[in-house]
Amino acid sequence: MNTLDAINARKSTRGFSKRQISDADLEKILFAGGQAAVGGADFKSLKLIVVQNPEVLKAIDESSAKARPGTHPLYGAPTLVVLAGSRSILENIEYTNAGCVIENMMVAAADLGIDSIYLWMSMYGINNDPEIVKCLGFPEGFTCIGTMALGYADREFKKLKADEQRIEVSYIR
């Protein structure tokens, strides 16, 4: 699959089967994350943590649901990738870095036929639960700056992408 096809194939999956992705595919996805553009090439300010332990996933899901009771913010995903970050050389650049790292991983996952979703509520659940932070082994000064779920959809999802530009573009020439 070429890059533009993988970008177009990527979708936000909101329901996962229990089927786990292979370690080989996971390594490819994580490698793609490590190839992302990172402000000032400050890769030491980032750490990827892979969570596949069902009890830890359940704890993160429950803690995250406190932001919106009655929900399951991880959508039953068998793999959660947590991106931990610390303050970097530029104020708040860690959130831009997170977007670049996670998007690279999501496009790589789509290329491999693996479903994904960029998650926001799980950041809340992780950062507001000291026991989860401890369990994940964040280095001193690090917080959760992004998460994504990986797996295989539990049902067919409607394609939401149009085959045209979806964001208005202005040119100043």
C-alpha atoms as a PDB file:
ATOM      1  CA  MET A   1       0.000   0.000   0.000  1.00  0.00           C
ATOM      2  CA  ASN A   2       1.363   3.458  -0.744  1.00  0.00           C
ATOM      3  CA  THR A   3       1.330   6.243   1.834  1.00  0.00           C
ATOM      4  CA  LEU A   4      -1.718   8.076   0.481  1.00  0.00           C
ATOM      5  CA  ASP A   5      -3.713   4.831   0.344  1.00  0.00           C
ATOM      6  CA  ALA A   6      -2.754   4.051   3.959  1.00  0.00           C
ATOM      7  CA  ILE A   7      -3.798   7.556   5.045  1.00  0.00           C
ATOM      8  CA  ASN A   8      -7.136   7.123   3.288  1.00  0.00           C
ATOM      9  CA  ALA A   9      -7.622   3.625   4.760  1.00  0.00           C
ATOM     10  CA  ARG A  10      -7.019   4.809   8.338  1.00  0.00           C
ATOM     11  CA  LYS A  11     -10.147   5.224  10.391  1.00  0.00           C
ATOM     12  CA  SER A  12     -11.029   5.745  14.034  1.00  0.00           C
ATOM     13  CA  THR A  13     -12.244   2.353  15.234  1.00  0.00           C
ATOM     14  CA  ARG A  14     -14.663   2.485  18.153  1.00  0.00           C
ATOM     15  CA  GLY A  15     -15.098  -1.205  18.861  1.00  0.00           C
ATOM     16  CA  PHE A  16     -12.416  -3.893  18.916  1.00  0.00           C
ATOM     17  CA  SER A  17     -12.436  -7.678  18.913  1.00  0.00           C
ATOM     18  CA  LYS A  18     -10.293  -9.538  21.452  1.00  0.00           C
ATOM     19  CA  ARG A  19      -7.916 -10.663  18.668  1.00  0.00           C
ATOM     20  CA  GLN A  20      -4.413  -9.463  19.490  1.00  0.00           C
ATOM     21  CA  ILE A  21      -2.051  -8.009  16.899  1.00  0.00           C
ATOM     22  CA  SER A  22       1.219  -9.845  16.261  1.00  0.00           C
ATOM     23  CA  ASP A  23       4.442  -8.799  17.929  1.00  0.00           C
ATOM     24  CA  ALA A  24       6.042  -8.360  14.489  1.00  0.00           C
ATOM     25  CA  ASP A  25       3.323  -5.924  13.396  1.00  0.00           C
ATOM     26  CA  LEU A  26       3.471  -4.113  16.742  1.00  0.00           C
ATOM     27  CA  GLU A  27       7.226  -3.600  16.324  1.00  0.00           C
ATOM     28  CA  LYS A  28       6.671  -2.117  12.840  1.00  0.00           C
ATOM     29  CA  ILE A  29       4.041   0.263  14.211  1.00  0.00           C
ATOM     30  CA  LEU A  30       6.257   1.354  17.112  1.00  0.00           C
ATOM     31  CA  PHE A  31       9.177   1.852  14.716  1.00  0.00           C
ATOM     32  CA  ALA A  32       6.988   4.159  12.608  1.00  0.00           C
ATOM     33  CA  GLY A  33       6.271   6.189  15.743  1.00  0.00           C
ATOM     34  CA  GLY A  34       9.981   6.526  16.390  1.00  0.00           C
ATOM     35  CA  GLN A  35      10.491   7.937  12.906  1.00  0.00           C
ATOM     36  CA  ALA A  36       8.109  10.855  13.502  1.00  0.00           C
ATOM     37  CA  ALA A  37       9.077  14.484  13.365  1.00  0.00           C
ATOM     38  CA  VAL A  38       9.931  15.532  16.915  1.00  0.00           C
ATOM     39  CA  GLY A  39      10.644  19.134  17.878  1.00  0.00           C
ATOM     40  CA  GLY A  40      14.367  19.735  18.224  1.00  0.00           C
ATOM     41  CA  ALA A  41      14.923  15.979  17.710  1.00  0.00           C
ATOM     42  CA  ASP A  42      14.373  15.696  21.481  1.00  0.00           C
ATOM     43  CA  PHE A  43      13.518  11.979  21.445  1.00  0.00           C
ATOM     44  CA  LYS A  44      14.713  11.606  25.044  1.00  0.00           C
ATOM     45  CA  SER A  45      11.635  13.591  26.130  1.00  0.00           C
ATOM     46  CA  LEU A  46       9.369  10.766  24.888  1.00  0.00           C
ATOM     47  CA  LYS A  47       8.692   7.176  25.917  1.00  0.00           C
ATOM     48  CA  LEU A  48       6.352   4.601  24.358  1.00  0.00           C
ATOM     49  CA  ILE A  49       4.664   2.128  26.706  1.00  0.00           C
ATOM     50  CA  VAL A  50       2.663  -0.794  25.315  1.00  0.00           C
ATOM     51  CA  VAL A  51      -0.158  -2.120  27.488  1.00  0.00           C
ATOM     52  CA  GLN A  52      -1.647  -5.524  26.651  1.00  0.00           C
ATOM     53  CA  ASN A  53      -2.317  -6.780  30.185  1.00  0.00           C
ATOM     54  CA  PRO A  54      -6.122  -7.131  30.511  1.00  0.00           C
ATOM     55  CA  GLU A  55      -6.201  -5.999  34.166  1.00  0.00           C
ATOM     56  CA  VAL A  56      -4.177  -2.861  33.437  1.00  0.00           C
ATOM     57  CA  LEU A  57      -6.309  -2.098  30.368  1.00  0.00           C
ATOM     58  CA  LYS A  58      -9.437  -2.479  32.529  1.00  0.00           C
ATOM     59  CA  ALA A  59      -8.025  -0.132  35.175  1.00  0.00           C
ATOM     60  CA  ILE A  60      -7.187   2.497  32.557  1.00  0.00           C
ATOM     61  CA  ASP A  61     -10.630   2.112  30.956  1.00  0.00           C
ATOM     62  CA  GLU A  62     -12.397   2.514  34.313  1.00  0.00           C
ATOM     63  CA  SER A  63     -10.269   5.483  35.385  1.00  0.00           C
ATOM     64  CA  SER A  64     -10.804   7.139  31.994  1.00  0.00           C
ATOM     65  CA  ALA A  65     -14.569   6.628  32.181  1.00  0.00           C
ATOM     66  CA  LYS A  66     -14.681   8.925  35.216  1.00  0.00           C
ATOM     67  CA  ALA A  67     -14.502  11.797  32.720  1.00  0.00           C
ATOM     68  CA  ARG A  68     -17.662  10.465  31.069  1.00  0.00           C
ATOM     69  CA  PRO A  69     -19.466   7.879  33.209  1.00  0.00           C
ATOM     70  CA  GLY A  70     -21.059   4.935  31.475  1.00  0.00           C
ATOM     71  CA  THR A  71     -18.505   4.819  28.670  1.00  0.00           C
ATOM     72  CA  HIS A  72     -15.640   2.482  27.792  1.00  0.00           C
ATOM     73  CA  PRO A  73     -13.009   4.885  26.438  1.00  0.00           C
ATOM     74  CA  LEU A  74     -10.671   2.106  25.256  1.00  0.00           C
ATOM     75  CA  TYR A  75     -13.448   0.516  23.155  1.00  0.00           C
ATOM     76  CA  GLY A  76     -12.292  -2.959  24.192  1.00  0.00           C
ATOM     77  CA  ALA A  77      -8.945  -2.662  22.407  1.00  0.00           C
ATOM     78  CA  PRO A  78      -6.449  -5.430  23.204  1.00  0.00           C
ATOM     79  CA  THR A  79      -3.461  -3.072  22.855  1.00  0.00           C
ATOM     80  CA  LEU A  80      -2.995   0.453  24.143  1.00  0.00           C
ATOM     81  CA  VAL A  81       0.075   2.467  23.251  1.00  0.00           C
ATOM     82  CA  VAL A  82       0.782   5.176  25.793  1.00  0.00           C
ATOM     83  CA  LEU A  83       3.069   8.042  24.887  1.00  0.00           C
ATOM     84  CA  ALA A  84       4.690   9.595  27.927  1.00  0.00           C
ATOM     85  CA  GLY A  85       6.498  12.881  27.598  1.00  0.00           C
ATOM     86  CA  SER A  86       8.311  15.485  29.593  1.00  0.00           C
ATOM     87  CA  ARG A  87       8.761  19.186  29.080  1.00  0.00           C
ATOM     88  CA  SER A  88      10.934  19.727  26.093  1.00  0.00           C
ATOM     89  CA  ILE A  89      12.988  22.550  24.656  1.00  0.00           C
ATOM     90  CA  LEU A  90       9.904  24.438  23.460  1.00  0.00           C
ATOM     91  CA  GLU A  91       6.818  25.088  25.588  1.00  0.00           C
ATOM     92  CA  ASN A  92       4.047  22.531  24.918  1.00  0.00           C
ATOM     93  CA  ILE A  93       5.885  21.025  21.920  1.00  0.00           C
ATOM     94  CA  GLU A  94       5.317  17.627  23.523  1.00  0.00           C
ATOM     95  CA  TYR A  95       1.691  17.706  22.338  1.00  0.00           C
ATOM     96  CA  THR A  96       2.731  18.404  18.759  1.00  0.00           C
ATOM     97  CA  ASN A  97       5.263  15.606  19.077  1.00  0.00           C
ATOM     98  CA  ALA A  98       2.503  13.298  20.340  1.00  0.00           C
ATOM     99  CA  GLY A  99       0.338  14.085  17.325  1.00  0.00           C
ATOM    100  CA  CYS A 100       3.181  13.320  14.925  1.00  0.00           C
ATOM    101  CA  VAL A 101       4.218  10.092  16.673  1.00  0.00           C
ATOM    102  CA  ILE A 102       0.686   8.744  16.999  1.00  0.00           C
ATOM    103  CA  GLU A 103      -0.335   9.672  13.439  1.00  0.00           C
ATOM    104  CA  ASN A 104       2.746   7.872  12.087  1.00  0.00           C
ATOM    105  CA  MET A 105       1.750   4.781  14.067  1.00  0.00           C
ATOM    106  CA  MET A 106      -1.882   4.980  12.941  1.00  0.00           C
ATOM    107  CA  VAL A 107      -0.891   5.211   9.260  1.00  0.00           C
ATOM    108  CA  ALA A 108       1.539   2.302   9.688  1.00  0.00           C
ATOM    109  CA  ALA A 109      -1.223   0.275  11.370  1.00  0.00           C
ATOM    110  CA  ALA A 110      -3.609   1.003   8.481  1.00  0.00           C
ATOM    111  CA  ASP A 111      -0.918  -0.131   6.045  1.00  0.00           C
ATOM    112  CA  LEU A 112      -0.745  -3.440   7.939  1.00  0.00           C
ATOM    113  CA  GLY A 113      -4.545  -3.860   8.018  1.00  0.00           C
ATOM    114  CA  ILE A 114      -4.726  -3.085  11.741  1.00  0.00           C
ATOM    115  CA  ASP A 115      -7.377  -0.784  13.167  1.00  0.00           C
ATOM    116  CA  SER A 116      -6.628   2.084  15.529  1.00  0.00           C
ATOM    117  CA  ILE A 117      -7.963   5.155  17.258  1.00  0.00           C
ATOM    118  CA  TYR A 118      -6.269   8.180  18.820  1.00  0.00           C
ATOM    119  CA  LEU A 119      -7.670   8.422  22.339  1.00  0.00           C
ATOM    120  CA  TRP A 120      -8.030  11.526  24.501  1.00  0.00           C
ATOM    121  CA  MET A 121     -10.018  10.401  27.549  1.00  0.00           C
ATOM    122  CA  SER A 122      -7.456   7.761  28.448  1.00  0.00           C
ATOM    123  CA  MET A 123      -4.898  10.533  28.990  1.00  0.00           C
ATOM    124  CA  TYR A 124      -7.225  11.884  31.666  1.00  0.00           C
ATOM    125  CA  GLY A 125      -7.623   8.445  33.206  1.00  0.00           C
ATOM    126  CA  ILE A 126      -3.899   7.798  33.298  1.00  0.00           C
ATOM    127  CA  ASN A 127      -2.754  11.218  34.483  1.00  0.00           C
ATOM    128  CA  ASN A 128      -5.355  11.348  37.256  1.00  0.00           C
ATOM    129  CA  ASP A 129      -4.581   7.943  38.724  1.00  0.00           C
ATOM    130  CA  PRO A 130      -1.205   7.740  40.526  1.00  0.00           C
ATOM    131  CA  GLU A 131      -1.441   3.938  40.741  1.00  0.00           C
ATOM    132  CA  ILE A 132      -1.721   3.648  36.954  1.00  0.00           C
ATOM    133  CA  VAL A 133       1.162   6.088  36.451  1.00  0.00           C
ATOM    134  CA  LYS A 134       3.246   3.961  38.828  1.00  0.00           C
ATOM    135  CA  CYS A 135       2.190   0.744  37.092  1.00  0.00           C
ATOM    136  CA  LEU A 136       3.196   2.165  33.695  1.00  0.00           C
ATOM    137  CA  GLY A 137       6.601   3.146  35.035  1.00  0.00           C
ATOM    138  CA  PHE A 138       6.706   6.765  33.904  1.00  0.00           C
ATOM    139  CA  PRO A 139      10.130   8.313  34.445  1.00  0.00           C
ATOM    140  CA  GLU A 140      10.287  11.275  36.830  1.00  0.00           C
ATOM    141  CA  GLY A 141       8.820  14.407  35.215  1.00  0.00           C
ATOM    142  CA  PHE A 142       6.862  12.478  32.546  1.00  0.00           C
ATOM    143  CA  THR A 143       3.083  12.534  32.025  1.00  0.00           C
ATOM    144  CA  CYS A 144       0.795  10.884  29.525  1.00  0.00           C
ATOM    145  CA  ILE A 145       0.671  13.104  26.423  1.00  0.00           C
ATOM    146  CA  GLY A 146      -1.124  10.756  24.052  1.00  0.00           C
ATOM    147  CA  THR A 147      -2.617   7.306  23.659  1.00  0.00           C
ATOM    148  CA  MET A 148      -3.809   5.129  20.826  1.00  0.00           C
ATOM    149  CA  ALA A 149      -5.597   1.812  20.729  1.00  0.00           C
ATOM    150  CA  LEU A 150      -4.708  -0.973  18.300  1.00  0.00           C
ATOM    151  CA  GLY A 151      -6.479  -4.143  17.257  1.00  0.00           C
ATOM    152  CA  TYR A 152      -9.100  -5.412  14.849  1.00  0.00           C
ATOM    153  CA  ALA A 153     -12.595  -3.977  14.535  1.00  0.00           C
ATOM    154  CA  ASP A 154     -15.393  -6.022  16.059  1.00  0.00           C
ATOM    155  CA  ARG A 155     -17.749  -4.972  13.263  1.00  0.00           C
ATOM    156  CA  GLU A 156     -17.763  -3.128   9.964  1.00  0.00           C
ATOM    157  CA  PHE A 157     -17.483   0.631  10.328  1.00  0.00           C
ATOM    158  CA  LYS A 158     -18.831   3.055   7.761  1.00  0.00           C
ATOM    159  CA  LYS A 159     -16.152   4.945   5.899  1.00  0.00           C
ATOM    160  CA  LEU A 160     -16.442   8.560   6.990  1.00  0.00           C
ATOM    161  CA  LYS A 161     -13.826   9.955   4.650  1.00  0.00           C
ATOM    162  CA  ALA A 162     -14.838  11.558   1.427  1.00  0.00           C
ATOM    163  CA  ASP A 163     -12.715  11.285  -1.673  1.00  0.00           C
ATOM    164  CA  GLU A 164     -12.241  15.022  -1.676  1.00  0.00           C
ATOM    165  CA  GLN A 165     -10.460  17.591   0.465  1.00  0.00           C
ATOM    166  CA  ARG A 166     -12.314  17.838   3.792  1.00  0.00           C
ATOM    167  CA  ILE A 167     -10.632  20.940   5.183  1.00  0.00           C
ATOM    168  CA  GLU A 168     -11.026  24.305   3.552  1.00  0.00           C
ATOM    169  CA  VAL A 169      -7.780  25.467   1.949  1.00  0.00           C
ATOM    170  CA  SER A 170      -6.751  29.070   1.292  1.00  0.00           C
ATOM    171  CA  TYR A 171      -3.778  30.025  -0.842  1.00  0.00           C
ATOM    172  CA  ILE A 172      -1.748  33.173  -0.354  1.00  0.00           C
ATOM    173  CA  ARG A 173       0.627  33.462  -3.264  1.00  0.00           C
END
